[in-house]
Amino acid sequence: MVQALEALRHGHVREVPEDATHVVISIEGAWAIEVSGLLQGGTHTIGEALETLCTAADEFEGILAGMIAAARETGLPTVVCTLVPARYVKPAQHRVASTALAIFNDRVVRRAFAAKLPIVDLRMVCDEDGDYASETLLSRAGVRKAANVIRAALYEVSRSVERTRVYF
């Protein structure tokens, strides 16, 4: 497992275990937004807010690029997952987080396509209220749905030529 938190803390990605058979790159959306501090900061202009968002997305993309590079070096079948959106109760908070995640997910999709890796679009998989245990955490049912699509994608990727394809 390649862990984003390790990459953030140490500035690099730890090695993929030798006994790994597949690689799944998945970063929790709420974690990515919370670590960036985007929703807590204040700005005076829309331009400042967009610049803050772009800086956070750039840092996130750097971590993601390192994770993809580490996975590619293994030669193992690999899929990249989009970030799962939070389900905030307050409409304004939900809209802000969803907008920020859209920019982060754009980086995920672009990096996966550049690396010719398949994408599991968790935004499409976990799309029901029952998929969430709380505003930011998936329920057992949501995790099961995500795991089933990831497993199916890995099975197919293991048996076919590498190319970018979206699974949901």
C-alpha atoms as a PDB file:
ATOM      1  CA  MET A   1       0.000   0.000   0.000  1.00  0.00           C
ATOM      2  CA  VAL A   2       1.338   3.433  -0.931  1.00  0.00           C
ATOM      3  CA  GLN A   3       0.229   5.875   1.732  1.00  0.00           C
ATOM      4  CA  ALA A   4      -0.308   9.573   1.011  1.00  0.00           C
ATOM      5  CA  LEU A   5       0.184  10.517   4.660  1.00  0.00           C
ATOM      6  CA  GLU A   6       3.705   9.057   4.604  1.00  0.00           C
ATOM      7  CA  ALA A   7       4.460  10.951   1.406  1.00  0.00           C
ATOM      8  CA  LEU A   8       3.265  14.179   2.987  1.00  0.00           C
ATOM      9  CA  ARG A   9       5.196  13.695   6.220  1.00  0.00           C
ATOM     10  CA  HIS A  10       8.477  12.547   4.699  1.00  0.00           C
ATOM     11  CA  GLY A  11       8.430  14.170   1.278  1.00  0.00           C
ATOM     12  CA  HIS A  12       8.586  10.808  -0.499  1.00  0.00           C
ATOM     13  CA  VAL A  13       6.589   7.677  -1.018  1.00  0.00           C
ATOM     14  CA  ARG A  14       7.551   4.600   0.960  1.00  0.00           C
ATOM     15  CA  GLU A  15       8.291   1.514  -1.044  1.00  0.00           C
ATOM     16  CA  VAL A  16       5.553  -0.806  -2.209  1.00  0.00           C
ATOM     17  CA  PRO A  17       5.850  -4.116  -0.303  1.00  0.00           C
ATOM     18  CA  GLU A  18       7.661  -6.870  -2.206  1.00  0.00           C
ATOM     19  CA  ASP A  19       4.760  -9.299  -1.852  1.00  0.00           C
ATOM     20  CA  ALA A  20       2.203  -6.912  -3.345  1.00  0.00           C
ATOM     21  CA  THR A  21       0.264  -8.248  -6.329  1.00  0.00           C
ATOM     22  CA  HIS A  22      -1.691  -5.110  -7.242  1.00  0.00           C
ATOM     23  CA  VAL A  23      -1.588  -1.401  -6.410  1.00  0.00           C
ATOM     24  CA  VAL A  24      -4.593   0.783  -5.618  1.00  0.00           C
ATOM     25  CA  ILE A  25      -3.952   4.490  -5.262  1.00  0.00           C
ATOM     26  CA  SER A  26      -6.772   5.992  -3.245  1.00  0.00           C
ATOM     27  CA  ILE A  27      -6.694   9.130  -1.134  1.00  0.00           C
ATOM     28  CA  GLU A  28      -9.551  10.087   1.148  1.00  0.00           C
ATOM     29  CA  GLY A  29     -11.151  13.280  -0.160  1.00  0.00           C
ATOM     30  CA  ALA A  30     -11.915  14.767   3.236  1.00  0.00           C
ATOM     31  CA  TRP A  31      -8.317  14.110   4.299  1.00  0.00           C
ATOM     32  CA  ALA A  32      -6.955  15.885   1.223  1.00  0.00           C
ATOM     33  CA  ILE A  33      -9.099  18.950   1.835  1.00  0.00           C
ATOM     34  CA  GLU A  34      -8.514  19.041   5.610  1.00  0.00           C
ATOM     35  CA  VAL A  35      -4.729  18.696   5.281  1.00  0.00           C
ATOM     36  CA  SER A  36      -4.691  21.568   2.805  1.00  0.00           C
ATOM     37  CA  GLY A  37      -6.512  23.820   5.298  1.00  0.00           C
ATOM     38  CA  LEU A  38      -8.672  25.159   2.484  1.00  0.00           C
ATOM     39  CA  LEU A  39     -11.930  25.291   4.367  1.00  0.00           C
ATOM     40  CA  GLN A  40     -10.544  26.992   7.461  1.00  0.00           C
ATOM     41  CA  GLY A  41      -8.697  29.908   5.885  1.00  0.00           C
ATOM     42  CA  GLY A  42     -10.102  33.241   4.920  1.00  0.00           C
ATOM     43  CA  THR A  43      -9.371  35.429   1.943  1.00  0.00           C
ATOM     44  CA  HIS A  44     -10.277  38.910   0.853  1.00  0.00           C
ATOM     45  CA  THR A  45     -10.803  38.243  -2.838  1.00  0.00           C
ATOM     46  CA  ILE A  46     -11.900  35.431  -5.094  1.00  0.00           C
ATOM     47  CA  GLY A  47      -8.461  35.583  -6.683  1.00  0.00           C
ATOM     48  CA  GLU A  48      -6.798  34.902  -3.324  1.00  0.00           C
ATOM     49  CA  ALA A  49      -9.155  31.996  -2.713  1.00  0.00           C
ATOM     50  CA  LEU A  50      -8.408  30.506  -6.127  1.00  0.00           C
ATOM     51  CA  GLU A  51      -4.671  30.953  -5.616  1.00  0.00           C
ATOM     52  CA  THR A  52      -4.904  29.138  -2.263  1.00  0.00           C
ATOM     53  CA  LEU A  53      -6.895  26.350  -3.895  1.00  0.00           C
ATOM     54  CA  CYS A  54      -4.406  26.060  -6.773  1.00  0.00           C
ATOM     55  CA  THR A  55      -1.453  25.908  -4.373  1.00  0.00           C
ATOM     56  CA  ALA A  56      -3.121  23.140  -2.360  1.00  0.00           C
ATOM     57  CA  ALA A  57      -3.998  21.252  -5.554  1.00  0.00           C
ATOM     58  CA  ASP A  58      -0.397  21.604  -6.773  1.00  0.00           C
ATOM     59  CA  GLU A  59       0.923  20.126  -3.509  1.00  0.00           C
ATOM     60  CA  PHE A  60      -1.630  17.317  -3.702  1.00  0.00           C
ATOM     61  CA  GLU A  61      -0.692  16.617  -7.321  1.00  0.00           C
ATOM     62  CA  GLY A  62       2.970  16.360  -6.350  1.00  0.00           C
ATOM     63  CA  ILE A  63       2.120  13.703  -3.763  1.00  0.00           C
ATOM     64  CA  LEU A  64      -0.098  11.892  -6.248  1.00  0.00           C
ATOM     65  CA  ALA A  65       2.614  11.983  -8.934  1.00  0.00           C
ATOM     66  CA  GLY A  66       5.056  10.384  -6.487  1.00  0.00           C
ATOM     67  CA  MET A  67       2.546   7.690  -5.620  1.00  0.00           C
ATOM     68  CA  ILE A  68       1.915   6.938  -9.288  1.00  0.00           C
ATOM     69  CA  ALA A  69       5.653   6.846 -10.017  1.00  0.00           C
ATOM     70  CA  ALA A  70       6.233   4.400  -7.146  1.00  0.00           C
ATOM     71  CA  ALA A  71       3.365   2.201  -8.337  1.00  0.00           C
ATOM     72  CA  ARG A  72       4.562   2.249 -11.952  1.00  0.00           C
ATOM     73  CA  GLU A  73       8.072   1.199 -10.896  1.00  0.00           C
ATOM     74  CA  THR A  74       6.641  -2.036  -9.508  1.00  0.00           C
ATOM     75  CA  GLY A  75       5.183  -3.110 -12.838  1.00  0.00           C
ATOM     76  CA  LEU A  76       2.123  -4.352 -10.941  1.00  0.00           C
ATOM     77  CA  PRO A  77      -1.447  -3.853 -12.155  1.00  0.00           C
ATOM     78  CA  THR A  78      -2.480  -0.459 -10.797  1.00  0.00           C
ATOM     79  CA  VAL A  79      -5.673   1.565 -10.556  1.00  0.00           C
ATOM     80  CA  VAL A  80      -6.116   5.144  -9.405  1.00  0.00           C
ATOM     81  CA  CYS A  81      -9.265   6.157  -7.522  1.00  0.00           C
ATOM     82  CA  THR A  82     -10.932   9.537  -7.557  1.00  0.00           C
ATOM     83  CA  LEU A  83     -11.549  11.202  -4.215  1.00  0.00           C
ATOM     84  CA  VAL A  84     -14.881  10.433  -2.568  1.00  0.00           C
ATOM     85  CA  PRO A  85     -16.856  13.607  -1.879  1.00  0.00           C
ATOM     86  CA  ALA A  86     -17.953  14.415   1.646  1.00  0.00           C
ATOM     87  CA  ARG A  87     -21.642  14.570   2.502  1.00  0.00           C
ATOM     88  CA  TYR A  88     -21.770  17.699   4.648  1.00  0.00           C
ATOM     89  CA  VAL A  89     -25.180  18.528   6.105  1.00  0.00           C
ATOM     90  CA  LYS A  90     -24.776  22.290   5.730  1.00  0.00           C
ATOM     91  CA  PRO A  91     -25.405  23.118   2.055  1.00  0.00           C
ATOM     92  CA  ALA A  92     -22.784  25.888   1.885  1.00  0.00           C
ATOM     93  CA  GLN A  93     -20.093  23.673   3.418  1.00  0.00           C
ATOM     94  CA  HIS A  94     -21.054  20.833   1.070  1.00  0.00           C
ATOM     95  CA  ARG A  95     -20.844  23.080  -2.018  1.00  0.00           C
ATOM     96  CA  VAL A  96     -17.460  24.522  -1.028  1.00  0.00           C
ATOM     97  CA  ALA A  97     -15.965  21.083  -0.308  1.00  0.00           C
ATOM     98  CA  SER A  98     -17.429  19.639  -3.523  1.00  0.00           C
ATOM     99  CA  THR A  99     -15.990  22.489  -5.576  1.00  0.00           C
ATOM    100  CA  ALA A 100     -12.552  22.067  -4.017  1.00  0.00           C
ATOM    101  CA  LEU A 101     -12.663  18.299  -4.541  1.00  0.00           C
ATOM    102  CA  ALA A 102     -13.586  18.793  -8.197  1.00  0.00           C
ATOM    103  CA  ILE A 103     -10.270  20.572  -8.705  1.00  0.00           C
ATOM    104  CA  PHE A 104      -8.381  17.849  -6.826  1.00  0.00           C
ATOM    105  CA  ASN A 105     -10.214  15.143  -8.804  1.00  0.00           C
ATOM    106  CA  ASP A 106      -9.284  16.894 -12.042  1.00  0.00           C
ATOM    107  CA  ARG A 107      -5.652  16.429 -11.004  1.00  0.00           C
ATOM    108  CA  VAL A 108      -6.316  12.733 -10.247  1.00  0.00           C
ATOM    109  CA  VAL A 109      -7.906  12.138 -13.647  1.00  0.00           C
ATOM    110  CA  ARG A 110      -5.216  14.038 -15.566  1.00  0.00           C
ATOM    111  CA  ARG A 111      -2.361  12.213 -13.789  1.00  0.00           C
ATOM    112  CA  ALA A 112      -4.001   8.826 -14.298  1.00  0.00           C
ATOM    113  CA  PHE A 113      -4.542   9.515 -18.004  1.00  0.00           C
ATOM    114  CA  ALA A 114      -0.961  10.756 -18.396  1.00  0.00           C
ATOM    115  CA  ALA A 115       0.283   7.507 -16.821  1.00  0.00           C
ATOM    116  CA  LYS A 116      -2.206   5.457 -18.897  1.00  0.00           C
ATOM    117  CA  LEU A 117      -3.676   3.996 -15.711  1.00  0.00           C
ATOM    118  CA  PRO A 118      -7.295   2.921 -15.189  1.00  0.00           C
ATOM    119  CA  ILE A 119      -9.479   5.068 -12.952  1.00  0.00           C
ATOM    120  CA  VAL A 120     -12.076   3.910 -10.430  1.00  0.00           C
ATOM    121  CA  ASP A 121     -14.479   6.829 -10.125  1.00  0.00           C
ATOM    122  CA  LEU A 122     -15.551   6.589  -6.504  1.00  0.00           C
ATOM    123  CA  ARG A 123     -17.729   9.691  -6.975  1.00  0.00           C
ATOM    124  CA  MET A 124     -19.997   7.530  -9.125  1.00  0.00           C
ATOM    125  CA  VAL A 125     -19.715   4.433  -6.929  1.00  0.00           C
ATOM    126  CA  CYS A 126     -20.496   6.020  -3.551  1.00  0.00           C
ATOM    127  CA  ASP A 127     -23.422   8.176  -4.569  1.00  0.00           C
ATOM    128  CA  GLU A 128     -26.108   7.309  -2.015  1.00  0.00           C
ATOM    129  CA  ASP A 129     -26.644   8.539   1.535  1.00  0.00           C
ATOM    130  CA  GLY A 130     -26.392   4.935   2.785  1.00  0.00           C
ATOM    131  CA  ASP A 131     -22.809   4.824   1.496  1.00  0.00           C
ATOM    132  CA  TYR A 132     -21.768   7.205   4.274  1.00  0.00           C
ATOM    133  CA  ALA A 133     -21.414   6.550   8.017  1.00  0.00           C
ATOM    134  CA  SER A 134     -20.780  10.242   8.675  1.00  0.00           C
ATOM    135  CA  GLU A 135     -20.206  13.414   6.703  1.00  0.00           C
ATOM    136  CA  THR A 136     -16.703  12.336   5.683  1.00  0.00           C
ATOM    137  CA  LEU A 137     -16.478   8.574   6.250  1.00  0.00           C
ATOM    138  CA  LEU A 138     -17.878   5.772   4.159  1.00  0.00           C
ATOM    139  CA  SER A 139     -20.181   3.258   5.803  1.00  0.00           C
ATOM    140  CA  ARG A 140     -19.580  -0.466   5.664  1.00  0.00           C
ATOM    141  CA  ALA A 141     -21.937  -0.583   2.657  1.00  0.00           C
ATOM    142  CA  GLY A 142     -20.019   2.246   0.940  1.00  0.00           C
ATOM    143  CA  VAL A 143     -16.673   0.574   1.534  1.00  0.00           C
ATOM    144  CA  ARG A 144     -18.092  -2.704   0.219  1.00  0.00           C
ATOM    145  CA  LYS A 145     -19.376  -0.998  -2.952  1.00  0.00           C
ATOM    146  CA  ALA A 146     -16.016   0.691  -3.516  1.00  0.00           C
ATOM    147  CA  ALA A 147     -14.077  -2.526  -2.850  1.00  0.00           C
ATOM    148  CA  ASN A 148     -16.242  -4.477  -5.310  1.00  0.00           C
ATOM    149  CA  VAL A 149     -15.636  -2.010  -8.136  1.00  0.00           C
ATOM    150  CA  ILE A 150     -11.904  -1.792  -7.324  1.00  0.00           C
ATOM    151  CA  ARG A 151     -11.644  -5.591  -7.268  1.00  0.00           C
ATOM    152  CA  ALA A 152     -13.435  -5.881 -10.617  1.00  0.00           C
ATOM    153  CA  ALA A 153     -11.195  -3.202 -12.132  1.00  0.00           C
ATOM    154  CA  LEU A 154      -8.032  -4.905 -10.854  1.00  0.00           C
ATOM    155  CA  TYR A 155      -9.206  -8.259 -12.201  1.00  0.00           C
ATOM    156  CA  GLU A 156      -9.757  -6.781 -15.641  1.00  0.00           C
ATOM    157  CA  VAL A 157      -6.524  -4.738 -15.552  1.00  0.00           C
ATOM    158  CA  SER A 158      -4.566  -7.867 -14.602  1.00  0.00           C
ATOM    159  CA  ARG A 159      -5.761  -9.607 -17.743  1.00  0.00           C
ATOM    160  CA  SER A 160      -5.573  -6.898 -20.389  1.00  0.00           C
ATOM    161  CA  VAL A 161      -3.200  -4.426 -21.971  1.00  0.00           C
ATOM    162  CA  GLU A 162      -2.621  -1.210 -20.035  1.00  0.00           C
ATOM    163  CA  ARG A 163      -4.867   1.632 -21.027  1.00  0.00           C
ATOM    164  CA  THR A 164      -6.896   4.251 -19.337  1.00  0.00           C
ATOM    165  CA  ARG A 165     -10.444   3.233 -18.647  1.00  0.00           C
ATOM    166  CA  VAL A 166     -12.953   4.492 -16.095  1.00  0.00           C
ATOM    167  CA  TYR A 167     -14.711   2.012 -13.793  1.00  0.00           C
ATOM    168  CA  PHE A 168     -17.778   2.766 -11.688  1.00  0.00           C
END
